[in-house]
Amino acid sequence: MNQDYFKINLNKFGAERQKIEMEIKTFRNTVITFVMFFIVFYGFVFYLRSVLDTKLTNRKEYLRVTREKIEAKQTTGEYLSAKDLERIAKASTDRIFWAKKLVALAERED
C-alpha cells in the first residue's frame, strides 16, 4: 500500500491576497506618515517665517522712528554727538527685555 499523497493548498490565493493587502496597508500608512510629517514641517516653517516677518517689521518701524528723532534733532539745531548716535545704535541692538527679567524675579521663591 504505497500511496502518493498530493497536498493541495486551497488557501494559497487567500494567503497571497492577505500579503498584498498588508503591503498596500503598510505603503498607505507610510505615505500618510510622510505627508503628515511634511505638513507639520511646513506649518512650523511658515510659523517661523511669520514670527521673523513680525520682528523685521518691528525693527523697520523702530529704525524709522529713530531716523525721525535724528532728523528732528538736526532740524532743531541741537547738537547730536557721535556718542549720542552710538548710544542710540546700542539701544537698538543690545536692548534688555526687562519684562521677562521682572517676571522671573516675581516668580522667584526664596
PDB file of N, CA and C in Angstrom:
ATOM      1  N   MET A   1       0.796  -1.185   0.000  1.00  0.00           N
ATOM      2  CA  MET A   1       0.000   0.000   0.000  1.00  0.00           C
ATOM      3  C   MET A   1       0.843   1.256   0.000  1.00  0.00           C
ATOM      4  N   ASN A   2       1.355   1.507  -1.011  1.00  0.00           N
ATOM      5  CA  ASN A   2       2.152   2.712  -1.176  1.00  0.00           C
ATOM      6  C   ASN A   2       1.279   3.755  -1.864  1.00  0.00           C
ATOM      7  N   GLN A   3       0.872   4.714  -1.110  1.00  0.00           N
ATOM      8  CA  GLN A   3       0.015   5.746  -1.678  1.00  0.00           C
ATOM      9  C   GLN A   3       0.779   7.059  -1.742  1.00  0.00           C
ATOM     10  N   ASP A   4       0.632   7.704  -2.852  1.00  0.00           N
ATOM     11  CA  ASP A   4       1.228   9.030  -3.005  1.00  0.00           C
ATOM     12  C   ASP A   4       0.188  10.068  -2.627  1.00  0.00           C
ATOM     13  N   TYR A   5       0.628  10.948  -1.788  1.00  0.00           N
ATOM     14  CA  TYR A   5      -0.299  11.995  -1.369  1.00  0.00           C
ATOM     15  C   TYR A   5       0.089  13.300  -2.044  1.00  0.00           C
ATOM     16  N   PHE A   6      -0.900  13.974  -2.492  1.00  0.00           N
ATOM     17  CA  PHE A   6      -0.699  15.317  -3.037  1.00  0.00           C
ATOM     18  C   PHE A   6      -1.329  16.300  -2.092  1.00  0.00           C
ATOM     19  N   LYS A   7      -0.576  17.280  -1.794  1.00  0.00           N
ATOM     20  CA  LYS A   7      -1.075  18.293  -0.879  1.00  0.00           C
ATOM     21  C   LYS A   7      -1.551  19.474  -1.714  1.00  0.00           C
ATOM     22  N   ILE A   8      -2.769  19.845  -1.568  1.00  0.00           N
ATOM     23  CA  ILE A   8      -3.333  20.964  -2.296  1.00  0.00           C
ATOM     24  C   ILE A   8      -3.679  22.037  -1.273  1.00  0.00           C
ATOM     25  N   ASN A   9      -3.065  23.195  -1.471  1.00  0.00           N
ATOM     26  CA  ASN A   9      -3.313  24.318  -0.570  1.00  0.00           C
ATOM     27  C   ASN A   9      -4.449  25.149  -1.154  1.00  0.00           C
ATOM     28  N   LEU A  10      -5.603  25.014  -0.569  1.00  0.00           N
ATOM     29  CA  LEU A  10      -6.771  25.744  -1.057  1.00  0.00           C
ATOM     30  C   LEU A  10      -6.762  27.200  -0.597  1.00  0.00           C
ATOM     31  N   ASN A  11      -5.943  27.500   0.375  1.00  0.00           N
ATOM     32  CA  ASN A  11      -5.890  28.860   0.905  1.00  0.00           C
ATOM     33  C   ASN A  11      -4.749  29.668   0.288  1.00  0.00           C
ATOM     34  N   LYS A  12      -4.084  29.141  -0.722  1.00  0.00           N
ATOM     35  CA  LYS A  12      -2.941  29.821  -1.318  1.00  0.00           C
ATOM     36  C   LYS A  12      -3.340  31.196  -1.848  1.00  0.00           C
ATOM     37  N   PHE A  13      -4.435  31.273  -2.553  1.00  0.00           N
ATOM     38  CA  PHE A  13      -4.889  32.549  -3.096  1.00  0.00           C
ATOM     39  C   PHE A  13      -5.236  33.516  -1.958  1.00  0.00           C
ATOM     40  N   GLY A  14      -5.851  33.043  -0.922  1.00  0.00           N
ATOM     41  CA  GLY A  14      -6.202  33.884   0.229  1.00  0.00           C
ATOM     42  C   GLY A  14      -4.965  34.396   0.947  1.00  0.00           C
ATOM     43  N   ALA A  15      -3.938  33.568   1.088  1.00  0.00           N
ATOM     44  CA  ALA A  15      -2.701  33.978   1.758  1.00  0.00           C
ATOM     45  C   ALA A  15      -1.973  35.032   0.935  1.00  0.00           C
ATOM     46  N   GLU A  16      -1.933  34.827  -0.389  1.00  0.00           N
ATOM     47  CA  GLU A  16      -1.293  35.822  -1.249  1.00  0.00           C
ATOM     48  C   GLU A  16      -2.068  37.139  -1.221  1.00  0.00           C
ATOM     49  N   ARG A  17      -3.366  37.023  -1.210  1.00  0.00           N
ATOM     50  CA  ARG A  17      -4.212  38.230  -1.164  1.00  0.00           C
ATOM     51  C   ARG A  17      -3.984  38.995   0.141  1.00  0.00           C
ATOM     52  N   GLN A  18      -3.904  38.274   1.253  1.00  0.00           N
ATOM     53  CA  GLN A  18      -3.638  38.922   2.548  1.00  0.00           C
ATOM     54  C   GLN A  18      -2.267  39.588   2.545  1.00  0.00           C
ATOM     55  N   LYS A  19      -1.291  38.939   1.938  1.00  0.00           N
ATOM     56  CA  LYS A  19       0.048  39.507   1.872  1.00  0.00           C
ATOM     57  C   LYS A  19       0.029  40.814   1.071  1.00  0.00           C
ATOM     58  N   ILE A  20      -0.652  40.809  -0.064  1.00  0.00           N
ATOM     59  CA  ILE A  20      -0.753  42.012  -0.896  1.00  0.00           C
ATOM     60  C   ILE A  20      -1.492  43.108  -0.148  1.00  0.00           C
ATOM     61  N   GLU A  21      -2.559  42.762   0.546  1.00  0.00           N
ATOM     62  CA  GLU A  21      -3.312  43.754   1.323  1.00  0.00           C
ATOM     63  C   GLU A  21      -2.455  44.357   2.434  1.00  0.00           C
ATOM     64  N   MET A  22      -1.644  43.542   3.077  1.00  0.00           N
ATOM     65  CA  MET A  22      -0.748  44.049   4.127  1.00  0.00           C
ATOM     66  C   MET A  22       0.300  44.994   3.538  1.00  0.00           C
ATOM     67  N   GLU A  23       0.841  44.649   2.369  1.00  0.00           N
ATOM     68  CA  GLU A  23       1.813  45.525   1.717  1.00  0.00           C
ATOM     69  C   GLU A  23       1.170  46.851   1.327  1.00  0.00           C
ATOM     70  N   ILE A  24      -0.043  46.804   0.825  1.00  0.00           N
ATOM     71  CA  ILE A  24      -0.760  48.039   0.456  1.00  0.00           C
ATOM     72  C   ILE A  24      -1.033  48.873   1.704  1.00  0.00           C
ATOM     73  N   LYS A  25      -1.429  48.219   2.776  1.00  0.00           N
ATOM     74  CA  LYS A  25      -1.708  48.923   4.032  1.00  0.00           C
ATOM     75  C   LYS A  25      -0.434  49.568   4.586  1.00  0.00           C
ATOM     76  N   THR A  26       0.674  48.846   4.535  1.00  0.00           N
ATOM     77  CA  THR A  26       1.950  49.394   5.002  1.00  0.00           C
ATOM     78  C   THR A  26       2.373  50.584   4.153  1.00  0.00           C
ATOM     79  N   PHE A  27       2.222  50.458   2.831  1.00  0.00           N
ATOM     80  CA  PHE A  27       2.564  51.569   1.935  1.00  0.00           C
ATOM     81  C   PHE A  27       1.678  52.779   2.217  1.00  0.00           C
ATOM     82  N   ARG A  28       0.383  52.550   2.384  1.00  0.00           N
ATOM     83  CA  ARG A  28      -0.539  53.641   2.660  1.00  0.00           C
ATOM     84  C   ARG A  28      -0.178  54.331   3.974  1.00  0.00           C
ATOM     85  N   ASN A  29       0.109  53.568   5.003  1.00  0.00           N
ATOM     86  CA  ASN A  29       0.489  54.157   6.290  1.00  0.00           C
ATOM     87  C   ASN A  29       1.789  54.946   6.187  1.00  0.00           C
ATOM     88  N   THR A  30       2.734  54.449   5.400  1.00  0.00           N
ATOM     89  CA  THR A  30       3.995  55.161   5.199  1.00  0.00           C
ATOM     90  C   THR A  30       3.760  56.488   4.491  1.00  0.00           C
ATOM     91  N   VAL A  31       2.937  56.471   3.450  1.00  0.00           N
ATOM     92  CA  VAL A  31       2.640  57.697   2.717  1.00  0.00           C
ATOM     93  C   VAL A  31       1.913  58.695   3.615  1.00  0.00           C
ATOM     94  N   ILE A  32       0.954  58.234   4.400  1.00  0.00           N
ATOM     95  CA  ILE A  32       0.215  59.130   5.304  1.00  0.00           C
ATOM     96  C   ILE A  32       1.162  59.743   6.326  1.00  0.00           C
ATOM     97  N   THR A  33       2.048  58.947   6.885  1.00  0.00           N
ATOM     98  CA  THR A  33       3.020  59.457   7.856  1.00  0.00           C
ATOM     99  C   THR A  33       3.938  60.486   7.212  1.00  0.00           C
ATOM    100  N   PHE A  34       4.409  60.191   6.010  1.00  0.00           N
ATOM    101  CA  PHE A  34       5.282  61.100   5.281  1.00  0.00           C
ATOM    102  C   PHE A  34       4.583  62.430   5.010  1.00  0.00           C
ATOM    103  N   VAL A  35       3.342  62.376   4.542  1.00  0.00           N
ATOM    104  CA  VAL A  35       2.583  63.594   4.247  1.00  0.00           C
ATOM    105  C   VAL A  35       2.327  64.385   5.525  1.00  0.00           C
ATOM    106  N   MET A  36       1.965  63.721   6.601  1.00  0.00           N
ATOM    107  CA  MET A  36       1.704  64.414   7.868  1.00  0.00           C
ATOM    108  C   MET A  36       2.982  65.087   8.386  1.00  0.00           C
ATOM    109  N   PHE A  37       4.116  64.416   8.260  1.00  0.00           N
ATOM    110  CA  PHE A  37       5.380  64.994   8.688  1.00  0.00           C
ATOM    111  C   PHE A  37       5.648  66.295   7.929  1.00  0.00           C
ATOM    112  N   PHE A  38       5.476  66.264   6.611  1.00  0.00           N
ATOM    113  CA  PHE A  38       5.743  67.458   5.830  1.00  0.00           C
ATOM    114  C   PHE A  38       4.725  68.556   6.083  1.00  0.00           C
ATOM    115  N   ILE A  39       3.489  68.211   6.377  1.00  0.00           N
ATOM    116  CA  ILE A  39       2.507  69.236   6.729  1.00  0.00           C
ATOM    117  C   ILE A  39       2.920  69.933   8.015  1.00  0.00           C
ATOM    118  N   VAL A  40       3.324  69.149   9.007  1.00  0.00           N
ATOM    119  CA  VAL A  40       3.774  69.732  10.277  1.00  0.00           C
ATOM    120  C   VAL A  40       5.046  70.548  10.050  1.00  0.00           C
ATOM    121  N   PHE A  41       5.966  70.028   9.276  1.00  0.00           N
ATOM    122  CA  PHE A  41       7.219  70.730   9.000  1.00  0.00           C
ATOM    123  C   PHE A  41       6.961  72.068   8.309  1.00  0.00           C
ATOM    124  N   TYR A  42       6.148  72.063   7.262  1.00  0.00           N
ATOM    125  CA  TYR A  42       5.858  73.308   6.554  1.00  0.00           C
ATOM    126  C   TYR A  42       5.060  74.275   7.426  1.00  0.00           C
ATOM    127  N   GLY A  43       4.195  73.750   8.280  1.00  0.00           N
ATOM    128  CA  GLY A  43       3.495  74.615   9.219  1.00  0.00           C
ATOM    129  C   GLY A  43       4.466  75.310  10.152  1.00  0.00           C
ATOM    130  N   PHE A  44       5.447  74.569  10.642  1.00  0.00           N
ATOM    131  CA  PHE A  44       6.460  75.142  11.524  1.00  0.00           C
ATOM    132  C   PHE A  44       7.295  76.188  10.787  1.00  0.00           C
ATOM    133  N   VAL A  45       7.653  75.891   9.543  1.00  0.00           N
ATOM    134  CA  VAL A  45       8.432  76.844   8.748  1.00  0.00           C
ATOM    135  C   VAL A  45       7.631  78.126   8.522  1.00  0.00           C
ATOM    136  N   PHE A  46       6.353  78.004   8.180  1.00  0.00           N
ATOM    137  CA  PHE A  46       5.537  79.199   7.969  1.00  0.00           C
ATOM    138  C   PHE A  46       5.349  79.980   9.259  1.00  0.00           C
ATOM    139  N   TYR A  47       5.257  79.272  10.392  1.00  0.00           N
ATOM    140  CA  TYR A  47       5.151  79.959  11.683  1.00  0.00           C
ATOM    141  C   TYR A  47       6.426  80.764  11.955  1.00  0.00           C
ATOM    142  N   LEU A  48       7.582  80.142  11.763  1.00  0.00           N
ATOM    143  CA  LEU A  48       8.849  80.856  11.975  1.00  0.00           C
ATOM    144  C   LEU A  48       8.963  82.043  11.030  1.00  0.00           C
ATOM    145  N   ARG A  49       8.518  81.856   9.796  1.00  0.00           N
ATOM    146  CA  ARG A  49       8.585  82.950   8.825  1.00  0.00           C
ATOM    147  C   ARG A  49       7.720  84.116   9.267  1.00  0.00           C
ATOM    148  N   SER A  50       6.524  83.822   9.777  1.00  0.00           N
ATOM    149  CA  SER A  50       5.653  84.913  10.217  1.00  0.00           C
ATOM    150  C   SER A  50       6.232  85.622  11.439  1.00  0.00           C
ATOM    151  N   VAL A  51       6.855  84.868  12.350  1.00  0.00           N
ATOM    152  CA  VAL A  51       7.481  85.485  13.520  1.00  0.00           C
ATOM    153  C   VAL A  51       8.632  86.381  13.080  1.00  0.00           C
ATOM    154  N   LEU A  52       9.444  85.899  12.155  1.00  0.00           N
ATOM    155  CA  LEU A  52      10.575  86.700  11.684  1.00  0.00           C
ATOM    156  C   LEU A  52      10.099  87.916  10.891  1.00  0.00           C
ATOM    157  N   ASP A  53       9.022  87.769  10.125  1.00  0.00           N
ATOM    158  CA  ASP A  53       8.463  88.924   9.417  1.00  0.00           C
ATOM    159  C   ASP A  53       7.980  89.985  10.400  1.00  0.00           C
ATOM    160  N   THR A  54       7.358  89.537  11.490  1.00  0.00           N
ATOM    161  CA  THR A  54       6.903  90.477  12.516  1.00  0.00           C
ATOM    162  C   THR A  54       8.083  91.195  13.148  1.00  0.00           C
ATOM    163  N   LYS A  55       9.134  90.451  13.469  1.00  0.00           N
ATOM    164  CA  LYS A  55      10.325  91.068  14.049  1.00  0.00           C
ATOM    165  C   LYS A  55      10.949  92.065  13.073  1.00  0.00           C
ATOM    166  N   LEU A  56      10.995  91.690  11.802  1.00  0.00           N
ATOM    167  CA  LEU A  56      11.565  92.576  10.797  1.00  0.00           C
ATOM    168  C   LEU A  56      10.734  93.848  10.663  1.00  0.00           C
ATOM    169  N   THR A  57       9.425  93.703  10.664  1.00  0.00           N
ATOM    170  CA  THR A  57       8.547  94.872  10.575  1.00  0.00           C
ATOM    171  C   THR A  57       8.736  95.774  11.787  1.00  0.00           C
ATOM    172  N   ASN A  58       8.817  95.189  12.967  1.00  0.00           N
ATOM    173  CA  ASN A  58       9.031  95.983  14.189  1.00  0.00           C
ATOM    174  C   ASN A  58      10.384  96.692  14.145  1.00  0.00           C
ATOM    175  N   ARG A  59      11.398  96.008  13.653  1.00  0.00           N
ATOM    176  CA  ARG A  59      12.729  96.613  13.573  1.00  0.00           C
ATOM    177  C   ARG A  59      12.730  97.775  12.577  1.00  0.00           C
ATOM    178  N   LYS A  60      12.057  97.593  11.434  1.00  0.00           N
ATOM    179  CA  LYS A  60      11.972  98.679  10.451  1.00  0.00           C
ATOM    180  C   LYS A  60      11.235  99.886  11.033  1.00  0.00           C
ATOM    181  N   GLU A  61      10.173  99.621  11.779  1.00  0.00           N
ATOM    182  CA  GLU A  61       9.423 100.716  12.408  1.00  0.00           C
ATOM    183  C   GLU A  61      10.299 101.429  13.429  1.00  0.00           C
ATOM    184  N   TYR A  62      11.047 100.651  14.219  1.00  0.00           N
ATOM    185  CA  TYR A  62      11.939 101.247  15.214  1.00  0.00           C
ATOM    186  C   TYR A  62      13.009 102.107  14.541  1.00  0.00           C
ATOM    187  N   LEU A  63      13.563 101.604  13.454  1.00  0.00           N
ATOM    188  CA  LEU A  63      14.570 102.382  12.727  1.00  0.00           C
ATOM    189  C   LEU A  63      13.970 103.650  12.118  1.00  0.00           C
ATOM    190  N   ARG A  64      12.750 103.550  11.628  1.00  0.00           N
ATOM    191  CA  ARG A  64      12.084 104.730  11.071  1.00  0.00           C
ATOM    192  C   ARG A  64      11.882 105.788  12.145  1.00  0.00           C
ATOM    193  N   VAL A  65      11.422 105.360  13.319  1.00  0.00           N
ATOM    194  CA  VAL A  65      11.214 106.298  14.424  1.00  0.00           C
ATOM    195  C   VAL A  65      12.545 106.904  14.852  1.00  0.00           C
ATOM    196  N   THR A  66      13.591 106.088  14.910  1.00  0.00           N
ATOM    197  CA  THR A  66      14.913 106.582  15.289  1.00  0.00           C
ATOM    198  C   THR A  66      15.419 107.618  14.282  1.00  0.00           C
ATOM    199  N   ARG A  67      15.225 107.320  13.008  1.00  0.00           N
ATOM    200  CA  ARG A  67      15.644 108.289  11.981  1.00  0.00           C
ATOM    201  C   ARG A  67      14.860 109.592  12.104  1.00  0.00           C
ATOM    202  N   GLU A  68      13.566 109.483  12.387  1.00  0.00           N
ATOM    203  CA  GLU A  68      12.764 110.699  12.580  1.00  0.00           C
ATOM    204  C   GLU A  68      13.272 111.503  13.770  1.00  0.00           C
ATOM    205  N   LYS A  69      13.649 110.810  14.838  1.00  0.00           N
ATOM    206  CA  LYS A  69      14.192 111.507  16.008  1.00  0.00           C
ATOM    207  C   LYS A  69      15.512 112.200  15.658  1.00  0.00           C
ATOM    208  N   ILE A  70      16.343 111.504  14.897  1.00  0.00           N
ATOM    209  CA  ILE A  70      17.630 112.097  14.491  1.00  0.00           C
ATOM    210  C   ILE A  70      17.381 113.320  13.615  1.00  0.00           C
ATOM    211  N   GLU A  71      16.463 113.196  12.665  1.00  0.00           N
ATOM    212  CA  GLU A  71      16.149 114.332  11.801  1.00  0.00           C
ATOM    213  C   GLU A  71      15.561 115.489  12.601  1.00  0.00           C
ATOM    214  N   ALA A  72      14.742 115.161  13.601  1.00  0.00           N
ATOM    215  CA  ALA A  72      14.166 116.208  14.445  1.00  0.00           C
ATOM    216  C   ALA A  72      15.267 116.919  15.224  1.00  0.00           C
ATOM    217  N   LYS A  73      16.233 116.171  15.693  1.00  0.00           N
ATOM    218  CA  LYS A  73      17.355 116.783  16.415  1.00  0.00           C
ATOM    219  C   LYS A  73      18.162 117.683  15.482  1.00  0.00           C
ATOM    220  N   GLN A  74      18.361 117.231  14.246  1.00  0.00           N
ATOM    221  CA  GLN A  74      19.141 118.014  13.303  1.00  0.00           C
ATOM    222  C   GLN A  74      18.403 119.287  12.897  1.00  0.00           C
ATOM    223  N   THR A  75      17.102 119.229  12.761  1.00  0.00           N
ATOM    224  CA  THR A  75      16.353 120.414  12.342  1.00  0.00           C
ATOM    225  C   THR A  75      16.188 121.416  13.478  1.00  0.00           C
ATOM    226  N   THR A  76      16.231 120.940  14.720  1.00  0.00           N
ATOM    227  CA  THR A  76      16.081 121.873  15.836  1.00  0.00           C
ATOM    228  C   THR A  76      17.388 122.585  16.149  1.00  0.00           C
ATOM    229  N   GLY A  77      18.471 122.106  15.630  1.00  0.00           N
ATOM    230  CA  GLY A  77      19.747 122.758  15.870  1.00  0.00           C
ATOM    231  C   GLY A  77      20.444 122.249  17.109  1.00  0.00           C
ATOM    232  N   GLU A  78      19.845 121.299  17.818  1.00  0.00           N
ATOM    233  CA  GLU A  78      20.514 120.731  18.982  1.00  0.00           C
ATOM    234  C   GLU A  78      21.677 119.874  18.499  1.00  0.00           C
ATOM    235  N   TYR A  79      22.732 119.876  19.301  1.00  0.00           N
ATOM    236  CA  TYR A  79      23.920 119.125  18.930  1.00  0.00           C
ATOM    237  C   TYR A  79      23.702 117.650  19.245  1.00  0.00           C
ATOM    238  N   LEU A  80      23.992 116.809  18.272  1.00  0.00           N
ATOM    239  CA  LEU A  80      23.893 115.358  18.444  1.00  0.00           C
ATOM    240  C   LEU A  80      25.282 114.781  18.176  1.00  0.00           C
ATOM    241  N   SER A  81      25.941 114.373  19.250  1.00  0.00           N
ATOM    242  CA  SER A  81      27.318 113.916  19.124  1.00  0.00           C
ATOM    243  C   SER A  81      27.379 112.470  18.632  1.00  0.00           C
ATOM    244  N   ALA A  82      28.582 112.068  18.290  1.00  0.00           N
ATOM    245  CA  ALA A  82      28.801 110.688  17.859  1.00  0.00           C
ATOM    246  C   ALA A  82      28.490 109.723  19.001  1.00  0.00           C
ATOM    247  N   LYS A  83      28.741 110.177  20.217  1.00  0.00           N
ATOM    248  CA  LYS A  83      28.454 109.345  21.381  1.00  0.00           C
ATOM    249  C   LYS A  83      26.950 109.114  21.521  1.00  0.00           C
ATOM    250  N   ASP A  84      26.150 110.160  21.249  1.00  0.00           N
ATOM    251  CA  ASP A  84      24.701 110.003  21.294  1.00  0.00           C
ATOM    252  C   ASP A  84      24.229 109.003  20.235  1.00  0.00           C
ATOM    253  N   LEU A  85      24.804 109.092  19.053  1.00  0.00           N
ATOM    254  CA  LEU A  85      24.442 108.150  17.992  1.00  0.00           C
ATOM    255  C   LEU A  85      24.839 106.727  18.356  1.00  0.00           C
ATOM    256  N   GLU A  86      25.986 106.564  19.002  1.00  0.00           N
ATOM    257  CA  GLU A  86      26.413 105.237  19.446  1.00  0.00           C
ATOM    258  C   GLU A  86      25.455 104.685  20.489  1.00  0.00           C
ATOM    259  N   ARG A  87      24.983 105.545  21.383  1.00  0.00           N
ATOM    260  CA  ARG A  87      24.011 105.101  22.394  1.00  0.00           C
ATOM    261  C   ARG A  87      22.711 104.656  21.740  1.00  0.00           C
ATOM    262  N   ILE A  88      22.259 105.404  20.749  1.00  0.00           N
ATOM    263  CA  ILE A  88      21.025 105.026  20.054  1.00  0.00           C
ATOM    264  C   ILE A  88      21.213 103.696  19.333  1.00  0.00           C
ATOM    265  N   ALA A  89      22.363 103.514  18.685  1.00  0.00           N
ATOM    266  CA  ALA A  89      22.646 102.256  17.990  1.00  0.00           C
ATOM    267  C   ALA A  89      22.736 101.101  18.985  1.00  0.00           C
ATOM    268  N   LYS A  90      23.375 101.343  20.114  1.00  0.00           N
ATOM    269  CA  LYS A  90      23.498 100.296  21.128  1.00  0.00           C
ATOM    270  C   LYS A  90      22.138  99.935  21.701  1.00  0.00           C
ATOM    271  N   ALA A  91      21.294 100.944  21.907  1.00  0.00           N
ATOM    272  CA  ALA A  91      19.952 100.682  22.429  1.00  0.00           C
ATOM    273  C   ALA A  91      19.148  99.834  21.456  1.00  0.00           C
ATOM    274  N   SER A  92      19.365 100.020  20.165  1.00  0.00           N
ATOM    275  CA  SER A  92      18.593  99.248  19.186  1.00  0.00           C
ATOM    276  C   SER A  92      19.100  97.819  19.057  1.00  0.00           C
ATOM    277  N   THR A  93      20.378  97.572  19.336  1.00  0.00           N
ATOM    278  CA  THR A  93      20.920  96.223  19.163  1.00  0.00           C
ATOM    279  C   THR A  93      21.059  95.455  20.469  1.00  0.00           C
ATOM    280  N   ASP A  94      21.368  96.127  21.556  1.00  0.00           N
ATOM    281  CA  ASP A  94      21.640  95.448  22.830  1.00  0.00           C
ATOM    282  C   ASP A  94      20.558  95.737  23.867  1.00  0.00           C
ATOM    283  N   ARG A  95      19.321  95.720  23.430  1.00  0.00           N
ATOM    284  CA  ARG A  95      18.235  96.001  24.370  1.00  0.00           C
ATOM    285  C   ARG A  95      18.061  94.847  25.344  1.00  0.00           C
ATOM    286  N   ILE A  96      17.758  95.180  26.563  1.00  0.00           N
ATOM    287  CA  ILE A  96      17.454  94.182  27.579  1.00  0.00           C
ATOM    288  C   ILE A  96      15.939  94.166  27.719  1.00  0.00           C
ATOM    289  N   PHE A  97      15.388  92.999  27.618  1.00  0.00           N
ATOM    290  CA  PHE A  97      13.950  92.875  27.748  1.00  0.00           C
ATOM    291  C   PHE A  97      13.617  92.728  29.236  1.00  0.00           C
ATOM    292  N   TRP A  98      13.308  93.855  29.844  1.00  0.00           N
ATOM    293  CA  TRP A  98      13.097  93.896  31.286  1.00  0.00           C
ATOM    294  C   TRP A  98      11.840  93.174  31.709  1.00  0.00           C
ATOM    295  N   ALA A  99      10.855  93.090  30.843  1.00  0.00           N
ATOM    296  CA  ALA A  99       9.612  92.434  31.222  1.00  0.00           C
ATOM    297  C   ALA A  99       9.878  90.981  31.614  1.00  0.00           C
ATOM    298  N   LYS A 100      10.679  90.276  30.840  1.00  0.00           N
ATOM    299  CA  LYS A 100      10.998  88.886  31.157  1.00  0.00           C
ATOM    300  C   LYS A 100      11.783  88.792  32.464  1.00  0.00           C
ATOM    301  N   LYS A 101      12.694  89.726  32.661  1.00  0.00           N
ATOM    302  CA  LYS A 101      13.506  89.723  33.882  1.00  0.00           C
ATOM    303  C   LYS A 101      12.624  89.970  35.115  1.00  0.00           C
ATOM    304  N   LEU A 102      11.693  90.923  34.994  1.00  0.00           N
ATOM    305  CA  LEU A 102      10.825  91.235  36.128  1.00  0.00           C
ATOM    306  C   LEU A 102       9.885  90.075  36.439  1.00  0.00           C
ATOM    307  N   VAL A 103       9.388  89.409  35.404  1.00  0.00           N
ATOM    308  CA  VAL A 103       8.530  88.243  35.634  1.00  0.00           C
ATOM    309  C   VAL A 103       9.318  87.142  36.346  1.00  0.00           C
ATOM    310  N   ALA A 104      10.551  86.920  35.917  1.00  0.00           N
ATOM    311  CA  ALA A 104      11.388  85.917  36.559  1.00  0.00           C
ATOM    312  C   ALA A 104      11.653  86.268  38.019  1.00  0.00           C
ATOM    313  N   LEU A 105      11.882  87.536  38.313  1.00  0.00           N
ATOM    314  CA  LEU A 105      12.090  87.954  39.698  1.00  0.00           C
ATOM    315  C   LEU A 105      10.820  87.787  40.526  1.00  0.00           C
ATOM    316  N   ALA A 106       9.666  88.077  39.928  1.00  0.00           N
ATOM    317  CA  ALA A 106       8.413  87.954  40.655  1.00  0.00           C
ATOM    318  C   ALA A 106       8.102  86.501  40.982  1.00  0.00           C
ATOM    319  N   GLU A 107       8.490  85.593  40.092  1.00  0.00           N
ATOM    320  CA  GLU A 107       8.198  84.180  40.296  1.00  0.00           C
ATOM    321  C   GLU A 107       9.240  83.475  41.170  1.00  0.00           C
ATOM    322  N   ARG A 108      10.314  84.155  41.454  1.00  0.00           N
ATOM    323  CA  ARG A 108      11.389  83.563  42.249  1.00  0.00           C
ATOM    324  C   ARG A 108      10.921  83.375  43.685  1.00  0.00           C
ATOM    325  N   GLU A 109      11.163  82.201  44.189  1.00  0.00           N
ATOM    326  CA  GLU A 109      10.820  81.884  45.573  1.00  0.00           C
ATOM    327  C   GLU A 109      12.105  81.811  46.396  1.00  0.00           C
ATOM    328  N   ASP A 110      12.118  82.482  47.492  1.00  0.00           N
ATOM    329  CA  ASP A 110      13.313  82.457  48.348  1.00  0.00           C
ATOM    330  C   ASP A 110      13.282  81.309  49.311  1.00  0.00           C
TER     331      ASP A 110
END
